[in-house]
Amino acid sequence: MSPPVRYHAEALRELLLKQRIATMEQLKKALGTGADLTILRKLKELSYHTSYSHRGRYYTLEEIARFDELGLWVSYLFT
């Protein structure tokens, strides 16, 4: 028998749909964990992207991300 799921990826999805992007700290707060690996495992379930600039600090969902003709992630939040 599998252990019950303690952390649900849907909490991250809801945050990212509301804010469009989030930092690791914001994601950890939303999920109620202090572990980066837990966040990364849950993001993997959702299909996500990280920023190339800003040292990969920002995360978003694949369904939200938009890219320009050069394949660069476009977001008014980074300007």
N, C-alpha and C. Protein backbone atom coordinates (compact mmCIF):
# COMPACT_ATOMS: atom_id res chain seq x y z
N MET A 1 0.85 -1.18 0.00
CA MET A 1 0.00 0.00 0.00
C MET A 1 0.89 1.25 0.00
N SER A 2 0.58 2.20 -0.86
CA SER A 2 1.36 3.44 -0.96
C SER A 2 1.01 4.38 0.18
N PRO A 3 2.00 5.14 0.62
CA PRO A 3 1.71 6.14 1.66
C PRO A 3 0.83 7.24 1.09
N PRO A 4 0.06 7.91 1.92
CA PRO A 4 -0.80 9.00 1.42
C PRO A 4 0.05 10.15 0.89
N VAL A 5 -0.47 10.84 -0.11
CA VAL A 5 0.23 11.98 -0.69
C VAL A 5 0.14 13.15 0.30
N ARG A 6 1.31 13.64 0.70
CA ARG A 6 1.34 14.71 1.69
C ARG A 6 1.31 16.08 1.03
N TYR A 7 1.98 16.20 -0.09
CA TYR A 7 2.05 17.48 -0.81
C TYR A 7 1.40 17.31 -2.17
N HIS A 8 0.54 18.24 -2.51
CA HIS A 8 -0.20 18.16 -3.77
C HIS A 8 0.28 19.22 -4.76
N ALA A 9 0.62 18.78 -5.95
CA ALA A 9 1.10 19.67 -7.00
C ALA A 9 0.08 20.74 -7.35
N GLU A 10 -1.19 20.47 -7.13
CA GLU A 10 -2.24 21.43 -7.47
C GLU A 10 -2.06 22.76 -6.72
N ALA A 11 -1.51 22.72 -5.53
CA ALA A 11 -1.27 23.97 -4.78
C ALA A 11 -0.27 24.85 -5.53
N LEU A 12 0.74 24.24 -6.14
CA LEU A 12 1.70 25.00 -6.93
C LEU A 12 1.05 25.53 -8.20
N ARG A 13 0.25 24.69 -8.82
CA ARG A 13 -0.44 25.11 -10.06
C ARG A 13 -1.32 26.32 -9.80
N GLU A 14 -2.08 26.29 -8.72
CA GLU A 14 -2.96 27.41 -8.39
C GLU A 14 -2.17 28.70 -8.17
N LEU A 15 -1.06 28.60 -7.45
CA LEU A 15 -0.22 29.78 -7.22
C LEU A 15 0.32 30.33 -8.54
N LEU A 16 0.83 29.45 -9.39
CA LEU A 16 1.42 29.91 -10.65
C LEU A 16 0.37 30.44 -11.62
N LEU A 17 -0.81 29.89 -11.61
CA LEU A 17 -1.88 30.43 -12.46
C LEU A 17 -2.27 31.83 -11.99
N LYS A 18 -2.22 32.04 -10.69
CA LYS A 18 -2.58 33.35 -10.13
C LYS A 18 -1.48 34.38 -10.36
N GLN A 19 -0.21 34.01 -10.10
CA GLN A 19 0.91 34.95 -10.17
C GLN A 19 1.68 34.91 -11.48
N ARG A 20 1.54 33.87 -12.27
CA ARG A 20 2.25 33.62 -13.52
C ARG A 20 3.68 33.15 -13.31
N ILE A 21 4.42 33.73 -12.37
CA ILE A 21 5.77 33.25 -12.04
C ILE A 21 5.92 33.24 -10.52
N ALA A 22 6.89 32.47 -10.03
CA ALA A 22 7.15 32.43 -8.59
C ALA A 22 8.59 31.99 -8.36
N THR A 23 9.11 32.37 -7.21
CA THR A 23 10.44 31.94 -6.79
C THR A 23 10.31 30.63 -6.01
N MET A 24 11.44 29.99 -5.77
CA MET A 24 11.44 28.76 -4.99
C MET A 24 10.85 29.01 -3.60
N GLU A 25 11.21 30.12 -2.99
CA GLU A 25 10.69 30.43 -1.65
C GLU A 25 9.17 30.57 -1.66
N GLN A 26 8.62 31.21 -2.66
CA GLN A 26 7.17 31.34 -2.77
C GLN A 26 6.51 29.98 -2.96
N LEU A 27 7.13 29.14 -3.77
CA LEU A 27 6.58 27.80 -4.01
C LEU A 27 6.63 26.95 -2.74
N LYS A 28 7.73 27.04 -1.99
CA LYS A 28 7.85 26.28 -0.75
C LYS A 28 6.79 26.72 0.26
N LYS A 29 6.56 28.01 0.33
CA LYS A 29 5.54 28.54 1.24
C LYS A 29 4.15 28.03 0.84
N ALA A 30 3.85 28.05 -0.44
CA ALA A 30 2.54 27.61 -0.92
C ALA A 30 2.31 26.13 -0.65
N LEU A 31 3.37 25.32 -0.74
CA LEU A 31 3.22 23.88 -0.53
C LEU A 31 3.39 23.49 0.94
N GLY A 32 3.99 24.37 1.72
CA GLY A 32 4.18 24.07 3.13
C GLY A 32 5.35 23.14 3.40
N THR A 33 6.42 23.31 2.64
CA THR A 33 7.62 22.50 2.81
C THR A 33 8.85 23.38 2.76
N GLY A 34 9.94 22.90 3.31
CA GLY A 34 11.20 23.61 3.23
C GLY A 34 12.18 22.96 2.28
N ALA A 35 11.73 21.89 1.60
CA ALA A 35 12.63 21.10 0.76
C ALA A 35 12.51 21.46 -0.72
N ASP A 36 13.63 21.91 -1.30
CA ASP A 36 13.65 22.23 -2.73
C ASP A 36 13.28 21.01 -3.58
N LEU A 37 13.79 19.83 -3.22
CA LEU A 37 13.53 18.64 -4.02
C LEU A 37 12.05 18.27 -4.07
N THR A 38 11.33 18.51 -3.00
CA THR A 38 9.89 18.26 -3.00
C THR A 38 9.21 19.16 -4.03
N ILE A 39 9.61 20.42 -4.04
CA ILE A 39 9.05 21.38 -5.01
C ILE A 39 9.37 20.93 -6.43
N LEU A 40 10.61 20.58 -6.68
CA LEU A 40 11.01 20.16 -8.03
C LEU A 40 10.26 18.91 -8.48
N ARG A 41 10.04 17.96 -7.56
CA ARG A 41 9.27 16.76 -7.92
C ARG A 41 7.84 17.11 -8.29
N LYS A 42 7.24 18.02 -7.53
CA LYS A 42 5.86 18.41 -7.80
C LYS A 42 5.76 19.26 -9.07
N LEU A 43 6.74 20.12 -9.31
CA LEU A 43 6.74 20.89 -10.55
C LEU A 43 6.86 19.98 -11.77
N LYS A 44 7.65 18.92 -11.64
CA LYS A 44 7.82 17.98 -12.75
C LYS A 44 6.47 17.38 -13.17
N GLU A 45 5.61 17.14 -12.20
CA GLU A 45 4.27 16.62 -12.50
C GLU A 45 3.46 17.61 -13.35
N LEU A 46 3.79 18.89 -13.24
CA LEU A 46 3.01 19.94 -13.89
C LEU A 46 3.60 20.42 -15.21
N SER A 47 4.80 20.04 -15.56
CA SER A 47 5.52 20.57 -16.73
C SER A 47 5.78 22.06 -16.53
N TYR A 48 7.02 22.37 -16.23
CA TYR A 48 7.38 23.74 -15.86
C TYR A 48 8.62 24.22 -16.61
N HIS A 49 8.87 25.52 -16.49
CA HIS A 49 10.07 26.15 -17.04
C HIS A 49 10.70 27.00 -15.94
N THR A 50 12.03 27.14 -16.02
CA THR A 50 12.73 28.09 -15.14
C THR A 50 13.36 29.16 -16.01
N SER A 51 13.62 30.29 -15.41
CA SER A 51 14.27 31.37 -16.16
C SER A 51 15.72 31.03 -16.42
N TYR A 52 16.21 31.38 -17.59
CA TYR A 52 17.61 31.17 -17.94
C TYR A 52 18.45 32.26 -17.30
N SER A 53 17.95 33.48 -17.40
CA SER A 53 18.61 34.59 -16.71
C SER A 53 18.14 34.57 -15.25
N HIS A 54 18.62 35.44 -14.47
CA HIS A 54 18.26 35.50 -13.04
C HIS A 54 18.63 34.21 -12.33
N ARG A 55 19.64 33.47 -12.84
CA ARG A 55 20.13 32.23 -12.24
C ARG A 55 19.04 31.19 -12.00
N GLY A 56 18.06 31.13 -12.89
CA GLY A 56 17.00 30.13 -12.77
C GLY A 56 16.10 30.37 -11.57
N ARG A 57 16.02 31.59 -11.14
CA ARG A 57 15.28 31.92 -9.92
C ARG A 57 13.77 31.83 -10.08
N TYR A 58 13.28 32.01 -11.29
CA TYR A 58 11.84 32.08 -11.51
C TYR A 58 11.31 30.82 -12.18
N TYR A 59 10.10 30.44 -11.77
CA TYR A 59 9.44 29.24 -12.28
C TYR A 59 8.08 29.63 -12.82
N THR A 60 7.65 28.92 -13.86
CA THR A 60 6.31 29.08 -14.40
C THR A 60 5.87 27.76 -15.01
N LEU A 61 4.61 27.65 -15.32
CA LEU A 61 4.08 26.45 -15.95
C LEU A 61 4.26 26.52 -17.46
N GLU A 62 4.43 25.38 -18.06
CA GLU A 62 4.55 25.33 -19.52
C GLU A 62 3.34 25.95 -20.19
N GLU A 63 2.17 25.75 -19.61
CA GLU A 63 0.94 26.28 -20.21
C GLU A 63 0.86 27.81 -20.14
N ILE A 64 1.65 28.44 -19.29
CA ILE A 64 1.65 29.90 -19.14
C ILE A 64 2.75 30.55 -19.97
N ALA A 65 3.89 29.90 -20.04
CA ALA A 65 5.08 30.48 -20.68
C ALA A 65 4.84 30.82 -22.15
N ARG A 66 5.34 31.97 -22.55
CA ARG A 66 5.29 32.41 -23.94
C ARG A 66 6.72 32.74 -24.36
N PHE A 67 7.05 32.41 -25.61
CA PHE A 67 8.41 32.61 -26.11
C PHE A 67 8.38 33.47 -27.36
N ASP A 68 9.42 34.29 -27.53
CA ASP A 68 9.49 35.13 -28.73
C ASP A 68 10.07 34.33 -29.89
N GLU A 69 10.30 35.01 -31.02
CA GLU A 69 10.77 34.34 -32.24
C GLU A 69 12.16 33.73 -32.09
N LEU A 70 12.91 34.17 -31.08
CA LEU A 70 14.23 33.61 -30.81
C LEU A 70 14.18 32.47 -29.78
N GLY A 71 13.00 32.19 -29.31
CA GLY A 71 12.84 31.13 -28.31
C GLY A 71 13.09 31.59 -26.89
N LEU A 72 13.13 32.92 -26.68
CA LEU A 72 13.35 33.46 -25.34
C LEU A 72 12.02 33.64 -24.62
N TRP A 73 12.03 33.32 -23.35
CA TRP A 73 10.84 33.45 -22.51
C TRP A 73 10.49 34.93 -22.39
N VAL A 74 9.29 35.29 -22.75
CA VAL A 74 8.84 36.68 -22.72
C VAL A 74 7.95 36.87 -21.50
N SER A 75 8.31 37.86 -20.68
CA SER A 75 7.48 38.19 -19.53
C SER A 75 7.68 39.64 -19.17
N TYR A 76 6.62 40.36 -19.04
CA TYR A 76 6.70 41.76 -18.64
C TYR A 76 7.17 41.87 -17.19
N LEU A 77 7.14 40.80 -16.44
CA LEU A 77 7.52 40.83 -15.03
C LEU A 77 9.03 40.94 -14.83
N PHE A 78 9.83 40.65 -15.86
CA PHE A 78 11.29 40.66 -15.73
C PHE A 78 11.91 42.00 -16.10
N THR A 79 11.13 42.92 -16.63
CA THR A 79 11.71 44.19 -17.06
C THR A 79 11.91 45.14 -15.91
